[in-house]
Amino acid sequence: MNRCYVLIQSIGVKTMGRTVPSFRPALEKEIESWKDFKRALRPEDQKVFDKLMNFARIHADAGSLAARPMLSEILFMSYAIEQEKKIRSLEREIKDVKEKINKT
């Protein structure tokens, strides 16, 4: 039996006759499985947690094509992509500020 199918079934996602369920419901189920962890966070960290979960939702189309057996891999890759984008943006801002300082 397909490992992905067994894993998805173990977390209770209905597959409607498919060997691999629709990704978005499986993703939401995975996010829901982190609710106790989120509840234990400080309120300001809960907001960051929600932002990270939204990163996974933003990349759901790519995640559905990845067919990874562990949904958490897609969560973590989504976070890494968004954090790398933020780092690049901040690096550009720093470079621009340095250039403005050097011109004066």
N, C-alpha and C. Protein backbone atom coordinates (compact mmCIF):
# COMPACT_ATOMS: atom_id res chain seq x y z
N MET A 1 0.84 -1.18 0.00
CA MET A 1 0.00 0.00 0.00
C MET A 1 0.89 1.25 0.00
N ASN A 2 0.49 2.27 -0.68
CA ASN A 2 1.20 3.53 -0.79
C ASN A 2 1.43 4.14 0.59
N ARG A 3 2.72 4.48 0.92
CA ARG A 3 3.05 5.07 2.23
C ARG A 3 2.29 6.36 2.48
N CYS A 4 2.16 7.18 1.44
CA CYS A 4 1.43 8.45 1.58
C CYS A 4 -0.02 8.17 1.95
N TYR A 5 -0.62 7.20 1.30
CA TYR A 5 -2.00 6.84 1.58
C TYR A 5 -2.17 6.39 3.03
N VAL A 6 -1.26 5.54 3.49
CA VAL A 6 -1.33 5.04 4.87
C VAL A 6 -1.19 6.20 5.85
N LEU A 7 -0.25 7.11 5.60
CA LEU A 7 -0.05 8.24 6.47
C LEU A 7 -1.28 9.14 6.50
N ILE A 8 -1.82 9.45 5.34
CA ILE A 8 -2.99 10.32 5.27
C ILE A 8 -4.17 9.66 5.97
N GLN A 9 -4.37 8.38 5.75
CA GLN A 9 -5.46 7.67 6.43
C GLN A 9 -5.29 7.70 7.93
N SER A 10 -4.04 7.63 8.40
CA SER A 10 -3.79 7.60 9.85
C SER A 10 -4.16 8.91 10.52
N ILE A 11 -4.17 10.03 9.77
CA ILE A 11 -4.58 11.29 10.37
C ILE A 11 -6.04 11.60 10.10
N GLY A 12 -6.73 10.68 9.44
CA GLY A 12 -8.18 10.78 9.33
C GLY A 12 -8.70 11.59 8.17
N VAL A 13 -7.96 11.75 7.09
CA VAL A 13 -8.43 12.50 5.93
C VAL A 13 -9.13 11.53 4.98
N LYS A 14 -10.35 11.87 4.58
CA LYS A 14 -11.11 11.03 3.64
C LYS A 14 -10.52 11.16 2.25
N THR A 15 -10.42 10.02 1.54
CA THR A 15 -9.79 10.03 0.22
C THR A 15 -10.77 9.85 -0.93
N MET A 16 -12.00 9.52 -0.68
CA MET A 16 -13.02 9.39 -1.71
C MET A 16 -12.56 8.50 -2.87
N GLY A 17 -12.00 7.32 -2.55
CA GLY A 17 -11.61 6.38 -3.57
C GLY A 17 -10.26 6.63 -4.20
N ARG A 18 -9.57 7.66 -3.78
CA ARG A 18 -8.25 7.97 -4.33
C ARG A 18 -7.17 7.33 -3.46
N THR A 19 -6.01 7.07 -4.05
CA THR A 19 -4.89 6.60 -3.24
C THR A 19 -4.20 7.77 -2.57
N VAL A 20 -4.27 8.96 -3.15
CA VAL A 20 -3.73 10.17 -2.55
C VAL A 20 -4.86 11.18 -2.46
N PRO A 21 -5.18 11.65 -1.26
CA PRO A 21 -6.30 12.57 -1.11
C PRO A 21 -5.99 13.96 -1.65
N SER A 22 -7.02 14.77 -1.77
CA SER A 22 -6.81 16.17 -2.14
C SER A 22 -5.88 16.79 -1.12
N PHE A 23 -4.95 17.58 -1.61
CA PHE A 23 -3.91 18.11 -0.75
C PHE A 23 -4.43 19.11 0.28
N ARG A 24 -5.28 20.02 -0.15
CA ARG A 24 -5.71 21.08 0.77
C ARG A 24 -6.41 20.54 2.02
N PRO A 25 -7.34 19.60 1.91
CA PRO A 25 -7.92 19.05 3.15
C PRO A 25 -6.87 18.36 4.03
N ALA A 26 -5.94 17.67 3.40
CA ALA A 26 -4.88 17.01 4.17
C ALA A 26 -4.00 18.05 4.86
N LEU A 27 -3.71 19.15 4.17
CA LEU A 27 -2.91 20.23 4.75
C LEU A 27 -3.64 20.84 5.94
N GLU A 28 -4.92 21.11 5.79
CA GLU A 28 -5.68 21.68 6.90
C GLU A 28 -5.72 20.73 8.09
N LYS A 29 -5.81 19.45 7.82
CA LYS A 29 -5.80 18.45 8.90
C LYS A 29 -4.44 18.47 9.60
N GLU A 30 -3.37 18.58 8.84
CA GLU A 30 -2.02 18.65 9.42
C GLU A 30 -1.89 19.91 10.28
N ILE A 31 -2.34 21.04 9.77
CA ILE A 31 -2.28 22.29 10.53
C ILE A 31 -3.09 22.15 11.82
N GLU A 32 -4.26 21.55 11.71
CA GLU A 32 -5.11 21.34 12.89
C GLU A 32 -4.40 20.47 13.93
N SER A 33 -3.58 19.54 13.48
CA SER A 33 -2.89 18.65 14.41
C SER A 33 -1.88 19.39 15.29
N TRP A 34 -1.54 20.62 14.92
CA TRP A 34 -0.60 21.44 15.70
C TRP A 34 -1.30 22.36 16.69
N LYS A 35 -2.62 22.23 16.84
CA LYS A 35 -3.38 23.19 17.66
C LYS A 35 -2.94 23.21 19.12
N ASP A 36 -2.59 22.06 19.70
CA ASP A 36 -2.14 22.05 21.10
C ASP A 36 -0.80 22.77 21.25
N PHE A 37 0.07 22.59 20.27
CA PHE A 37 1.34 23.31 20.28
C PHE A 37 1.09 24.81 20.22
N LYS A 38 0.21 25.22 19.32
CA LYS A 38 -0.11 26.64 19.18
C LYS A 38 -0.69 27.20 20.47
N ARG A 39 -1.57 26.46 21.08
CA ARG A 39 -2.22 26.91 22.31
C ARG A 39 -1.20 27.14 23.43
N ALA A 40 -0.11 26.40 23.41
CA ALA A 40 0.93 26.52 24.45
C ALA A 40 1.86 27.72 24.21
N LEU A 41 1.79 28.31 23.03
CA LEU A 41 2.64 29.45 22.71
C LEU A 41 2.12 30.73 23.36
N ARG A 42 3.03 31.68 23.52
CA ARG A 42 2.62 33.02 23.97
C ARG A 42 1.78 33.65 22.87
N PRO A 43 0.91 34.59 23.23
CA PRO A 43 0.03 35.20 22.22
C PRO A 43 0.78 35.78 21.02
N GLU A 44 1.90 36.45 21.25
CA GLU A 44 2.64 37.02 20.12
C GLU A 44 3.24 35.92 19.24
N ASP A 45 3.61 34.80 19.85
CA ASP A 45 4.13 33.67 19.07
C ASP A 45 3.01 32.94 18.33
N GLN A 46 1.81 32.96 18.87
CA GLN A 46 0.67 32.37 18.17
C GLN A 46 0.41 33.10 16.86
N LYS A 47 0.60 34.42 16.86
CA LYS A 47 0.44 35.18 15.62
C LYS A 47 1.49 34.78 14.58
N VAL A 48 2.72 34.57 15.04
CA VAL A 48 3.77 34.12 14.13
C VAL A 48 3.44 32.73 13.61
N PHE A 49 2.97 31.87 14.48
CA PHE A 49 2.57 30.51 14.09
C PHE A 49 1.52 30.57 12.99
N ASP A 50 0.50 31.40 13.18
CA ASP A 50 -0.55 31.54 12.16
C ASP A 50 0.02 32.01 10.83
N LYS A 51 0.97 32.93 10.91
CA LYS A 51 1.61 33.43 9.68
C LYS A 51 2.34 32.30 8.96
N LEU A 52 3.04 31.46 9.72
CA LEU A 52 3.75 30.32 9.13
C LEU A 52 2.77 29.35 8.47
N MET A 53 1.64 29.10 9.12
CA MET A 53 0.65 28.19 8.54
C MET A 53 0.10 28.76 7.24
N ASN A 54 -0.05 30.08 7.20
CA ASN A 54 -0.52 30.71 5.96
C ASN A 54 0.50 30.58 4.84
N PHE A 55 1.80 30.55 5.18
CA PHE A 55 2.82 30.31 4.16
C PHE A 55 2.57 28.95 3.50
N ALA A 56 2.25 27.96 4.31
CA ALA A 56 1.97 26.62 3.75
C ALA A 56 0.75 26.67 2.84
N ARG A 57 -0.25 27.44 3.23
CA ARG A 57 -1.45 27.56 2.38
C ARG A 57 -1.12 28.27 1.07
N ILE A 58 -0.26 29.27 1.13
CA ILE A 58 0.14 29.99 -0.08
C ILE A 58 0.81 29.04 -1.07
N HIS A 59 1.57 28.10 -0.57
CA HIS A 59 2.32 27.17 -1.42
C HIS A 59 1.59 25.83 -1.59
N ALA A 60 0.29 25.80 -1.33
CA ALA A 60 -0.47 24.55 -1.42
C ALA A 60 -0.46 23.96 -2.83
N ASP A 61 -0.49 24.80 -3.85
CA ASP A 61 -0.47 24.26 -5.22
C ASP A 61 0.81 23.48 -5.48
N ALA A 62 1.94 24.04 -5.06
CA ALA A 62 3.21 23.32 -5.23
C ALA A 62 3.22 22.07 -4.36
N GLY A 63 2.68 22.19 -3.16
CA GLY A 63 2.63 21.04 -2.26
C GLY A 63 1.82 19.89 -2.82
N SER A 64 0.74 20.22 -3.51
CA SER A 64 -0.10 19.16 -4.07
C SER A 64 0.61 18.41 -5.19
N LEU A 65 1.54 19.07 -5.85
CA LEU A 65 2.31 18.41 -6.91
C LEU A 65 3.52 17.64 -6.38
N ALA A 66 3.94 17.97 -5.16
CA ALA A 66 5.14 17.35 -4.60
C ALA A 66 4.92 15.89 -4.21
N ALA A 67 3.70 15.53 -3.81
CA ALA A 67 3.36 14.15 -3.41
C ALA A 67 4.34 13.62 -2.37
N ARG A 68 4.63 14.43 -1.37
CA ARG A 68 5.52 14.02 -0.28
C ARG A 68 4.72 13.20 0.72
N PRO A 69 5.31 12.12 1.24
CA PRO A 69 4.56 11.30 2.20
C PRO A 69 4.35 12.00 3.55
N MET A 70 5.18 12.96 3.88
CA MET A 70 5.04 13.69 5.15
C MET A 70 4.62 15.13 4.85
N LEU A 71 3.41 15.48 5.23
CA LEU A 71 2.93 16.84 4.96
C LEU A 71 3.77 17.88 5.66
N SER A 72 4.35 17.54 6.80
CA SER A 72 5.17 18.51 7.52
C SER A 72 6.38 18.94 6.68
N GLU A 73 6.86 18.08 5.78
CA GLU A 73 7.96 18.47 4.90
C GLU A 73 7.55 19.67 4.04
N ILE A 74 6.32 19.66 3.58
CA ILE A 74 5.83 20.77 2.75
C ILE A 74 5.66 22.02 3.60
N LEU A 75 5.19 21.86 4.83
CA LEU A 75 5.09 23.01 5.73
C LEU A 75 6.46 23.65 5.90
N PHE A 76 7.45 22.85 6.23
CA PHE A 76 8.78 23.39 6.51
C PHE A 76 9.43 23.99 5.26
N MET A 77 9.22 23.38 4.12
CA MET A 77 9.78 23.94 2.88
C MET A 77 9.11 25.28 2.56
N SER A 78 7.81 25.38 2.81
CA SER A 78 7.10 26.65 2.59
C SER A 78 7.68 27.73 3.48
N TYR A 79 7.94 27.39 4.74
CA TYR A 79 8.53 28.38 5.66
C TYR A 79 9.89 28.82 5.16
N ALA A 80 10.70 27.85 4.74
CA ALA A 80 12.05 28.16 4.29
C ALA A 80 12.02 29.08 3.06
N ILE A 81 11.13 28.81 2.14
CA ILE A 81 11.01 29.65 0.94
C ILE A 81 10.63 31.08 1.32
N GLU A 82 9.61 31.22 2.16
CA GLU A 82 9.16 32.56 2.54
C GLU A 82 10.22 33.29 3.36
N GLN A 83 10.94 32.59 4.22
CA GLN A 83 11.98 33.24 5.00
C GLN A 83 13.14 33.66 4.11
N GLU A 84 13.47 32.85 3.13
CA GLU A 84 14.53 33.21 2.19
C GLU A 84 14.13 34.46 1.38
N LYS A 85 12.87 34.53 0.98
CA LYS A 85 12.39 35.72 0.27
C LYS A 85 12.52 36.96 1.15
N LYS A 86 12.20 36.82 2.43
CA LYS A 86 12.30 37.94 3.36
C LYS A 86 13.76 38.35 3.56
N ILE A 87 14.64 37.39 3.69
CA ILE A 87 16.07 37.69 3.84
C ILE A 87 16.58 38.44 2.62
N ARG A 88 16.22 37.98 1.43
CA ARG A 88 16.66 38.68 0.20
C ARG A 88 16.13 40.10 0.16
N SER A 89 14.89 40.29 0.55
CA SER A 89 14.30 41.63 0.56
C SER A 89 15.04 42.54 1.54
N LEU A 90 15.33 42.03 2.72
CA LEU A 90 16.06 42.82 3.72
C LEU A 90 17.48 43.13 3.26
N GLU A 91 18.12 42.16 2.60
CA GLU A 91 19.46 42.40 2.06
C GLU A 91 19.45 43.51 1.01
N ARG A 92 18.42 43.52 0.16
CA ARG A 92 18.29 44.59 -0.85
C ARG A 92 18.10 45.94 -0.17
N GLU A 93 17.27 45.96 0.86
CA GLU A 93 17.04 47.22 1.59
C GLU A 93 18.32 47.72 2.23
N ILE A 94 19.08 46.83 2.83
CA ILE A 94 20.36 47.22 3.45
C ILE A 94 21.30 47.76 2.39
N LYS A 95 21.38 47.09 1.26
CA LYS A 95 22.25 47.54 0.17
C LYS A 95 21.84 48.93 -0.30
N ASP A 96 20.54 49.15 -0.47
CA ASP A 96 20.04 50.46 -0.91
C ASP A 96 20.39 51.55 0.10
N VAL A 97 20.23 51.26 1.37
CA VAL A 97 20.54 52.24 2.41
C VAL A 97 22.03 52.54 2.41
N LYS A 98 22.86 51.51 2.28
CA LYS A 98 24.30 51.73 2.24
C LYS A 98 24.69 52.60 1.05
N GLU A 99 24.07 52.34 -0.11
CA GLU A 99 24.37 53.14 -1.30
C GLU A 99 23.97 54.59 -1.10
N LYS A 100 22.83 54.83 -0.46
CA LYS A 100 22.41 56.21 -0.20
C LYS A 100 23.35 56.89 0.77
N ILE A 101 23.81 56.16 1.77
CA ILE A 101 24.76 56.74 2.74
C ILE A 101 26.08 57.08 2.05
N ASN A 102 26.54 56.21 1.18
CA ASN A 102 27.82 56.44 0.50
C ASN A 102 27.75 57.60 -0.50
N LYS A 103 26.56 57.89 -1.01
CA LYS A 103 26.40 58.99 -1.97
C LYS A 103 26.43 60.35 -1.27
N THR A 104 26.11 60.39 -0.01
CA THR A 104 26.08 61.68 0.70
C THR A 104 27.38 62.04 1.32
